[in-house]
C-alpha atoms as a PDB file:
ATOM      1  CA  MET A   1     -20.910 -14.341   2.918  1.00  0.00           C
ATOM      2  CA  SER A   2     -19.191 -11.207   4.181  1.00  0.00           C
ATOM      3  CA  VAL A   3     -21.067  -7.908   3.996  1.00  0.00           C
ATOM      4  CA  GLU A   4     -20.288  -4.217   4.453  1.00  0.00           C
ATOM      5  CA  GLN A   5     -22.163  -1.139   5.651  1.00  0.00           C
ATOM      6  CA  ASN A   6     -20.521   2.260   5.441  1.00  0.00           C
ATOM      7  CA  ILE A   7     -21.440   4.698   8.172  1.00  0.00           C
ATOM      8  CA  TYR A   8     -18.176   6.646   8.382  1.00  0.00           C
ATOM      9  CA  ASP A   9     -15.031   6.325   6.248  1.00  0.00           C
ATOM     10  CA  LEU A  10     -11.907   8.396   6.772  1.00  0.00           C
ATOM     11  CA  THR A  11      -9.708   9.388   3.825  1.00  0.00           C
ATOM     12  CA  LEU A  12      -5.947   9.808   4.233  1.00  0.00           C
ATOM     13  CA  GLN A  13      -3.005   9.756   1.866  1.00  0.00           C
ATOM     14  CA  ALA A  14      -1.556   6.231   1.516  1.00  0.00           C
ATOM     15  CA  ALA A  15       1.954   5.840   2.978  1.00  0.00           C
ATOM     16  CA  ALA A  16       2.828   2.994   0.576  1.00  0.00           C
ATOM     17  CA  ASP A  17       1.595   1.174  -2.516  1.00  0.00           C
ATOM     18  CA  TYR A  18      -1.373  -0.922  -1.350  1.00  0.00           C
ATOM     19  CA  TYR A  19      -2.542  -1.570  -4.909  1.00  0.00           C
ATOM     20  CA  THR A  20       0.357  -3.743  -6.092  1.00  0.00           C
ATOM     21  CA  THR A  21       0.658  -5.441  -2.694  1.00  0.00           C
ATOM     22  CA  SER A  22      -3.134  -5.957  -2.492  1.00  0.00           C
ATOM     23  CA  LYS A  23      -3.745  -4.776   1.089  1.00  0.00           C
ATOM     24  CA  GLN A  24      -7.476  -4.084   0.748  1.00  0.00           C
ATOM     25  CA  PHE A  25      -9.301  -5.056   3.993  1.00  0.00           C
ATOM     26  CA  TYR A  26      -6.142  -4.882   6.152  1.00  0.00           C
ATOM     27  CA  ILE A  27      -5.956  -3.021   9.487  1.00  0.00           C
ATOM     28  CA  MET A  28      -4.480   0.487   9.312  1.00  0.00           C
ATOM     29  CA  LYS A  29      -3.029   3.229  11.521  1.00  0.00           C
ATOM     30  CA  VAL A  30      -1.668   6.745  10.944  1.00  0.00           C
ATOM     31  CA  ASP A  31       2.112   7.152  10.545  1.00  0.00           C
ATOM     32  CA  SER A  32       4.219  10.074  11.799  1.00  0.00           C
ATOM     33  CA  ASN A  33       3.598  11.933   8.502  1.00  0.00           C
ATOM     34  CA  GLY A  34      -0.194  11.717   8.869  1.00  0.00           C
ATOM     35  CA  ARG A  35      -0.514   9.025   6.178  1.00  0.00           C
ATOM     36  CA  ALA A  36      -2.367   5.711   6.332  1.00  0.00           C
ATOM     37  CA  CYS A  37      -0.058   2.736   6.899  1.00  0.00           C
ATOM     38  CA  LEU A  38      -0.415  -0.902   7.955  1.00  0.00           C
ATOM     39  CA  ALA A  39      -1.013  -1.187  11.710  1.00  0.00           C
ATOM     40  CA  GLY A  40       1.497  -3.991  12.206  1.00  0.00           C
ATOM     41  CA  ASP A  41       0.612  -5.285  15.689  1.00  0.00           C
ATOM     42  CA  ALA A  42      -2.141  -5.852  18.225  1.00  0.00           C
ATOM     43  CA  ASN A  43      -1.577  -2.740  20.303  1.00  0.00           C
ATOM     44  CA  ALA A  44      -0.973  -0.322  17.446  1.00  0.00           C
ATOM     45  CA  ASP A  45      -3.177   2.760  17.424  1.00  0.00           C
ATOM     46  CA  SER A  46      -5.353   1.246  14.710  1.00  0.00           C
ATOM     47  CA  ILE A  47      -7.834   3.612  13.104  1.00  0.00           C
ATOM     48  CA  GLY A  48      -9.802   1.218  10.906  1.00  0.00           C
ATOM     49  CA  ILE A  49      -9.761  -1.088   7.887  1.00  0.00           C
ATOM     50  CA  LEU A  50      -8.587  -0.166   4.369  1.00  0.00           C
ATOM     51  CA  GLN A  51     -11.504  -0.272   1.901  1.00  0.00           C
ATOM     52  CA  ASN A  52      -9.751   0.375  -1.394  1.00  0.00           C
ATOM     53  CA  LYS A  53      -6.422  -0.371  -3.130  1.00  0.00           C
ATOM     54  CA  PRO A  54      -4.591   2.965  -3.367  1.00  0.00           C
ATOM     55  CA  LYS A  55      -1.124   3.457  -4.785  1.00  0.00           C
ATOM     56  CA  GLN A  56       1.367   5.433  -2.691  1.00  0.00           C
ATOM     57  CA  TYR A  57       0.147   9.002  -1.968  1.00  0.00           C
ATOM     58  CA  GLU A  58      -3.329   8.284  -3.377  1.00  0.00           C
ATOM     59  CA  ALA A  59      -6.466   8.483  -1.206  1.00  0.00           C
ATOM     60  CA  ALA A  60      -6.790   5.570   1.224  1.00  0.00           C
ATOM     61  CA  GLU A  61     -10.402   5.018   2.324  1.00  0.00           C
ATOM     62  CA  ILE A  62     -10.486   3.644   5.864  1.00  0.00           C
ATOM     63  CA  ARG A  63     -13.658   2.298   7.493  1.00  0.00           C
ATOM     64  CA  LYS A  64     -13.944   3.747  10.996  1.00  0.00           C
ATOM     65  CA  VAL A  65     -17.627   3.157  11.821  1.00  0.00           C
ATOM     66  CA  GLY A  66     -19.988   0.560  10.373  1.00  0.00           C
ATOM     67  CA  ILE A  67     -19.477  -2.967   9.084  1.00  0.00           C
ATOM     68  CA  SER A  68     -16.345  -3.794   7.118  1.00  0.00           C
ATOM     69  CA  LYS A  69     -14.718  -6.769   5.504  1.00  0.00           C
ATOM     70  CA  VAL A  70     -11.336  -7.815   6.943  1.00  0.00           C
ATOM     71  CA  VAL A  71      -8.688 -10.411   6.019  1.00  0.00           C
ATOM     72  CA  CYS A  72      -8.147 -13.051   8.745  1.00  0.00           C
ATOM     73  CA  GLY A  73      -4.646 -13.826   9.961  1.00  0.00           C
ATOM     74  CA  GLY A  74      -5.772 -16.859  11.966  1.00  0.00           C
ATOM     75  CA  VAL A  75      -8.871 -18.611  13.245  1.00  0.00           C
ATOM     76  CA  ILE A  76     -11.577 -16.169  14.370  1.00  0.00           C
ATOM     77  CA  THR A  77     -14.893 -17.223  15.882  1.00  0.00           C
ATOM     78  CA  ILE A  78     -18.093 -15.230  15.491  1.00  0.00           C
ATOM     79  CA  GLY A  79     -18.326 -12.771  18.380  1.00  0.00           C
ATOM     80  CA  ASN A  80     -14.553 -12.562  18.962  1.00  0.00           C
ATOM     81  CA  LYS A  81     -13.126  -9.088  19.471  1.00  0.00           C
ATOM     82  CA  ILE A  82     -10.454  -8.635  16.796  1.00  0.00           C
ATOM     83  CA  THR A  83      -7.087  -6.918  16.600  1.00  0.00           C
ATOM     84  CA  GLY A  84      -4.255  -6.968  14.084  1.00  0.00           C
ATOM     85  CA  ASP A  85      -1.301  -9.328  13.830  1.00  0.00           C
ATOM     86  CA  SER A  86       2.208  -8.380  12.666  1.00  0.00           C
ATOM     87  CA  ALA A  87       0.970  -8.497   9.042  1.00  0.00           C
ATOM     88  CA  SER A  88      -2.061  -6.248   9.844  1.00  0.00           C
ATOM     89  CA  LYS A  89      -4.527  -9.110   9.343  1.00  0.00           C
ATOM     90  CA  ALA A  90      -7.328  -9.771  11.842  1.00  0.00           C
ATOM     91  CA  VAL A  91      -6.831 -12.148  14.772  1.00  0.00           C
ATOM     92  CA  ALA A  92      -8.735 -12.711  18.018  1.00  0.00           C
ATOM     93  CA  ALA A  93      -7.711 -10.147  20.640  1.00  0.00           C
ATOM     94  CA  ALA A  94      -6.081 -11.493  23.813  1.00  0.00           C
ATOM     95  CA  ALA A  95      -6.244 -10.165  27.376  1.00  0.00           C
ATOM     96  CA  SER A  96      -5.201  -6.496  27.703  1.00  0.00           C
ATOM     97  CA  GLU A  97      -4.933  -6.011  23.914  1.00  0.00           C
ATOM     98  CA  ARG A  98      -6.610  -3.205  22.003  1.00  0.00           C
ATOM     99  CA  PHE A  99      -9.418  -4.343  19.681  1.00  0.00           C
ATOM    100  CA  ILE A 100     -11.012  -2.643  16.674  1.00  0.00           C
ATOM    101  CA  GLY A 101     -14.153  -4.674  16.097  1.00  0.00           C
ATOM    102  CA  VAL A 102     -16.333  -7.720  16.681  1.00  0.00           C
ATOM    103  CA  ALA A 103     -16.378 -10.635  14.226  1.00  0.00           C
ATOM    104  CA  LEU A 104     -19.769 -11.196  12.605  1.00  0.00           C
ATOM    105  CA  GLU A 105     -18.586 -14.448  11.006  1.00  0.00           C
ATOM    106  CA  THR A 106     -16.206 -17.303  11.724  1.00  0.00           C
ATOM    107  CA  GLY A 107     -13.098 -17.432   9.558  1.00  0.00           C
ATOM    108  CA  ALA A 108      -9.631 -18.894   9.125  1.00  0.00           C
ATOM    109  CA  ALA A 109      -6.330 -17.479   7.860  1.00  0.00           C
ATOM    110  CA  GLY A 110      -6.689 -15.806   4.464  1.00  0.00           C
ATOM    111  CA  ARG A 111     -10.494 -15.707   4.535  1.00  0.00           C
ATOM    112  CA  VAL A 112     -12.388 -12.405   4.315  1.00  0.00           C
ATOM    113  CA  ILE A 113     -15.076 -11.956   6.989  1.00  0.00           C
ATOM    114  CA  SER A 114     -17.362  -9.166   8.193  1.00  0.00           C
ATOM    115  CA  VAL A 115     -16.589  -7.189  11.332  1.00  0.00           C
ATOM    116  CA  LEU A 116     -18.663  -4.634  13.242  1.00  0.00           C
ATOM    117  CA  MET A 117     -16.334  -1.703  13.900  1.00  0.00           C
ATOM    118  CA  ASP A 118     -15.908  -1.064  17.630  1.00  0.00           C
ATOM    119  CA  SER A 119     -12.862  -0.259  19.742  1.00  0.00           C
ATOM    120  CA  GLY A 120     -11.557  -0.676  23.234  1.00  0.00           C
ATOM    121  CA  TYR A 121      -9.267  -2.847  25.315  1.00  0.00           C
ATOM    122  CA  MET A 122      -9.777  -6.449  26.344  1.00  0.00           C
ATOM    123  CA  PRO A 123      -9.967  -6.964  30.102  1.00  0.00           C
ATOM    124  CA  ALA A 124      -6.842  -8.278  31.803  1.00  0.00           C
ATOM    125  CA  SER A 125      -7.077 -11.986  32.495  1.00  0.00           C
END
């Protein structure tokens, strides 16, 4: 069972409609207008995970510190460092990729798991 613990959430204006497209628990970054948008790839400057389902220009709550739920884009094993895939879902980070957290559960594509928010770069292989 996935769990959450809010320590620090950031609020930004949503760049798109994440309500209709149901992007809650996807990985986010800041766009050139200062709005929250989907991160889109492993080395994006991800800022956290979307906690709510805002419509465009509404407040997007993004978990920066704490424990969050995240949607898996592939198989993730407990303890894996995670990053985003092209759809902004969580996948295991590879060598030299930026990561945004550590998986607290094992999961497969489409499953929601818990992640401890953390950030850094994976060592080169």
